[in-house]
Amino acid sequence: MLYQNRQLLLLPEFMVSPLSTTASTDFQYLVPKDGTPLAGLIQDHMISGVMLTIRGRFFARSDYQQLVYNALTDKMGGVKLLPPSLIKPSIMWSGKQVNNMVTVNAVVSIAKERV
């Protein structure tokens, strides 16, 4: 398992089981057809998140809006957008702004649903 050498980690015995269960992502996402694990799903999401927010990654207005709107397809009402992070030599938005806008718009819509 993941935490077999407990002496090096200095973890109490009662923490080993919850950590091992949480870290066993092979059993958290299963294919509905036959129950086999989807281990690549988490890795793909992590890689795409890193590639989106890497330093120097900028998007034109159309790409920025497309990414934000596709992430918020089930949101009713308007979507807030940030001003661009670069104005010259061309107007561009960063990948971190895409993440911010998806998070802000999702949290606002969840908060409105609870009220």
C-alpha atoms as a PDB file:
ATOM      1  CA  MET A   1       0.000   0.000   0.000  1.00  0.00           C
ATOM      2  CA  LEU A   2       0.889   3.654   0.044  1.00  0.00           C
ATOM      3  CA  TYR A   3       2.007   4.037   3.659  1.00  0.00           C
ATOM      4  CA  GLN A   4       3.781   0.783   4.430  1.00  0.00           C
ATOM      5  CA  ASN A   5       6.836   2.353   6.027  1.00  0.00           C
ATOM      6  CA  ARG A   6       5.169   4.194   8.923  1.00  0.00           C
ATOM      7  CA  GLN A   7       8.404   4.678  10.858  1.00  0.00           C
ATOM      8  CA  LEU A   8       9.722   7.125   8.261  1.00  0.00           C
ATOM      9  CA  LEU A   9       6.495   9.113   8.109  1.00  0.00           C
ATOM     10  CA  LEU A  10       5.939   9.136  11.889  1.00  0.00           C
ATOM     11  CA  LEU A  11       2.198   8.791  11.496  1.00  0.00           C
ATOM     12  CA  PRO A  12      -0.008   7.530  14.303  1.00  0.00           C
ATOM     13  CA  GLU A  13      -1.735   4.237  13.588  1.00  0.00           C
ATOM     14  CA  PHE A  14      -5.221   5.794  13.484  1.00  0.00           C
ATOM     15  CA  MET A  15      -4.183   8.107  10.590  1.00  0.00           C
ATOM     16  CA  VAL A  16      -2.772   5.420   8.317  1.00  0.00           C
ATOM     17  CA  SER A  17      -6.096   3.931   7.254  1.00  0.00           C
ATOM     18  CA  PRO A  18      -7.873   7.212   6.353  1.00  0.00           C
ATOM     19  CA  LEU A  19      -4.851   8.458   4.423  1.00  0.00           C
ATOM     20  CA  SER A  20      -4.502   5.206   2.534  1.00  0.00           C
ATOM     21  CA  THR A  21      -8.187   5.267   1.656  1.00  0.00           C
ATOM     22  CA  THR A  22      -8.089   8.892   0.531  1.00  0.00           C
ATOM     23  CA  ALA A  23      -4.975   8.366  -1.551  1.00  0.00           C
ATOM     24  CA  SER A  24      -6.280   5.243  -3.304  1.00  0.00           C
ATOM     25  CA  THR A  25      -7.678   7.127  -6.276  1.00  0.00           C
ATOM     26  CA  ASP A  26      -7.776   3.979  -8.403  1.00  0.00           C
ATOM     27  CA  PHE A  27     -10.985   2.998  -6.596  1.00  0.00           C
ATOM     28  CA  GLN A  28     -12.684   6.399  -6.488  1.00  0.00           C
ATOM     29  CA  TYR A  29     -13.560   6.655 -10.193  1.00  0.00           C
ATOM     30  CA  LEU A  30     -14.837   3.481 -11.851  1.00  0.00           C
ATOM     31  CA  VAL A  31     -16.083   2.709 -15.330  1.00  0.00           C
ATOM     32  CA  PRO A  32     -19.833   2.032 -15.160  1.00  0.00           C
ATOM     33  CA  LYS A  33     -19.572  -0.714 -17.779  1.00  0.00           C
ATOM     34  CA  ASP A  34     -17.264  -3.118 -15.933  1.00  0.00           C
ATOM     35  CA  GLY A  35     -16.063  -1.400 -12.736  1.00  0.00           C
ATOM     36  CA  THR A  36     -12.433  -1.012 -13.788  1.00  0.00           C
ATOM     37  CA  PRO A  37     -10.629   2.026 -12.319  1.00  0.00           C
ATOM     38  CA  LEU A  38     -10.169   5.260 -14.230  1.00  0.00           C
ATOM     39  CA  ALA A  39      -6.736   6.197 -12.893  1.00  0.00           C
ATOM     40  CA  GLY A  40      -5.929   8.322 -15.920  1.00  0.00           C
ATOM     41  CA  LEU A  41      -8.877  10.642 -15.247  1.00  0.00           C
ATOM     42  CA  ILE A  42      -7.231  12.346 -12.275  1.00  0.00           C
ATOM     43  CA  GLN A  43      -3.874  12.558 -13.991  1.00  0.00           C
ATOM     44  CA  ASP A  44      -5.459  14.165 -17.066  1.00  0.00           C
ATOM     45  CA  HIS A  45      -7.225  16.773 -14.914  1.00  0.00           C
ATOM     46  CA  MET A  46      -4.016  17.618 -13.060  1.00  0.00           C
ATOM     47  CA  ILE A  47      -1.997  17.954 -16.259  1.00  0.00           C
ATOM     48  CA  SER A  48      -4.618  20.135 -17.933  1.00  0.00           C
ATOM     49  CA  GLY A  49      -4.811  22.367 -14.842  1.00  0.00           C
ATOM     50  CA  VAL A  50      -1.051  22.824 -14.841  1.00  0.00           C
ATOM     51  CA  MET A  51      -0.943  23.496 -18.584  1.00  0.00           C
ATOM     52  CA  LEU A  52      -3.759  26.040 -18.259  1.00  0.00           C
ATOM     53  CA  THR A  53      -2.122  28.018 -15.436  1.00  0.00           C
ATOM     54  CA  ILE A  54       1.538  27.751 -16.413  1.00  0.00           C
ATOM     55  CA  ARG A  55       3.463  31.037 -16.491  1.00  0.00           C
ATOM     56  CA  GLY A  56       3.345  32.690 -19.879  1.00  0.00           C
ATOM     57  CA  ARG A  57       0.061  31.048 -20.989  1.00  0.00           C
ATOM     58  CA  PHE A  58      -2.256  33.722 -22.355  1.00  0.00           C
ATOM     59  CA  PHE A  59      -5.528  33.555 -24.266  1.00  0.00           C
ATOM     60  CA  ALA A  60      -7.269  35.845 -26.727  1.00  0.00           C
ATOM     61  CA  ARG A  61     -10.743  37.135 -25.867  1.00  0.00           C
ATOM     62  CA  SER A  62     -12.545  34.422 -27.833  1.00  0.00           C
ATOM     63  CA  ASP A  63     -10.546  31.593 -26.234  1.00  0.00           C
ATOM     64  CA  TYR A  64     -10.905  33.086 -22.740  1.00  0.00           C
ATOM     65  CA  GLN A  65     -14.657  33.448 -23.067  1.00  0.00           C
ATOM     66  CA  GLN A  66     -15.011  29.993 -24.613  1.00  0.00           C
ATOM     67  CA  LEU A  67     -13.146  28.351 -21.708  1.00  0.00           C
ATOM     68  CA  VAL A  68     -15.135  30.220 -19.045  1.00  0.00           C
ATOM     69  CA  TYR A  69     -18.533  29.680 -20.675  1.00  0.00           C
ATOM     70  CA  ASN A  70     -17.889  25.981 -21.346  1.00  0.00           C
ATOM     71  CA  ALA A  71     -17.018  25.454 -17.698  1.00  0.00           C
ATOM     72  CA  LEU A  72     -20.244  27.190 -16.639  1.00  0.00           C
ATOM     73  CA  THR A  73     -22.716  25.564 -19.043  1.00  0.00           C
ATOM     74  CA  ASP A  74     -25.297  24.874 -16.315  1.00  0.00           C
ATOM     75  CA  LYS A  75     -25.157  28.353 -14.757  1.00  0.00           C
ATOM     76  CA  MET A  76     -28.294  30.430 -15.173  1.00  0.00           C
ATOM     77  CA  GLY A  77     -27.934  34.175 -15.632  1.00  0.00           C
ATOM     78  CA  GLY A  78     -24.970  36.363 -16.454  1.00  0.00           C
ATOM     79  CA  VAL A  79     -21.319  35.462 -16.125  1.00  0.00           C
ATOM     80  CA  LYS A  80     -18.767  37.833 -14.606  1.00  0.00           C
ATOM     81  CA  LEU A  81     -15.529  38.312 -16.538  1.00  0.00           C
ATOM     82  CA  LEU A  82     -12.239  39.904 -15.513  1.00  0.00           C
ATOM     83  CA  PRO A  83     -10.470  42.640 -17.433  1.00  0.00           C
ATOM     84  CA  PRO A  84      -7.471  41.419 -19.453  1.00  0.00           C
ATOM     85  CA  SER A  85      -4.112  40.944 -17.760  1.00  0.00           C
ATOM     86  CA  LEU A  86      -2.206  42.178 -20.825  1.00  0.00           C
ATOM     87  CA  ILE A  87      -3.249  45.135 -22.925  1.00  0.00           C
ATOM     88  CA  LYS A  88      -0.182  45.691 -25.113  1.00  0.00           C
ATOM     89  CA  PRO A  89       0.959  44.349 -27.580  1.00  0.00           C
ATOM     90  CA  SER A  90      -2.432  42.615 -27.721  1.00  0.00           C
ATOM     91  CA  ILE A  91      -5.304  42.109 -25.290  1.00  0.00           C
ATOM     92  CA  MET A  92      -4.820  38.765 -23.511  1.00  0.00           C
ATOM     93  CA  TRP A  93      -6.095  36.884 -20.448  1.00  0.00           C
ATOM     94  CA  SER A  94      -4.070  34.435 -18.363  1.00  0.00           C
ATOM     95  CA  GLY A  95      -5.029  30.859 -17.531  1.00  0.00           C
ATOM     96  CA  LYS A  96      -5.215  31.790 -13.851  1.00  0.00           C
ATOM     97  CA  GLN A  97      -7.919  34.303 -14.723  1.00  0.00           C
ATOM     98  CA  VAL A  98      -9.902  31.492 -16.348  1.00  0.00           C
ATOM     99  CA  ASN A  99      -9.709  29.497 -13.102  1.00  0.00           C
ATOM    100  CA  ASN A 100     -10.653  32.554 -11.034  1.00  0.00           C
ATOM    101  CA  MET A 101     -13.704  33.348 -13.117  1.00  0.00           C
ATOM    102  CA  VAL A 102     -14.966  29.771 -13.118  1.00  0.00           C
ATOM    103  CA  THR A 103     -14.558  29.606  -9.342  1.00  0.00           C
ATOM    104  CA  VAL A 104     -16.104  33.027  -8.663  1.00  0.00           C
ATOM    105  CA  ASN A 105     -19.105  32.421 -10.918  1.00  0.00           C
ATOM    106  CA  ALA A 106     -19.672  28.912  -9.550  1.00  0.00           C
ATOM    107  CA  VAL A 107     -19.503  30.083  -5.919  1.00  0.00           C
ATOM    108  CA  VAL A 108     -21.851  33.015  -6.561  1.00  0.00           C
ATOM    109  CA  SER A 109     -24.421  30.764  -8.242  1.00  0.00           C
ATOM    110  CA  ILE A 110     -24.216  28.203  -5.389  1.00  0.00           C
ATOM    111  CA  ALA A 111     -24.648  30.967  -2.817  1.00  0.00           C
ATOM    112  CA  LYS A 112     -27.709  32.320  -4.642  1.00  0.00           C
ATOM    113  CA  GLU A 113     -29.271  28.852  -4.734  1.00  0.00           C
ATOM    114  CA  ARG A 114     -28.940  28.489  -0.958  1.00  0.00           C
ATOM    115  CA  VAL A 115     -30.630  31.799  -0.196  1.00  0.00           C
END
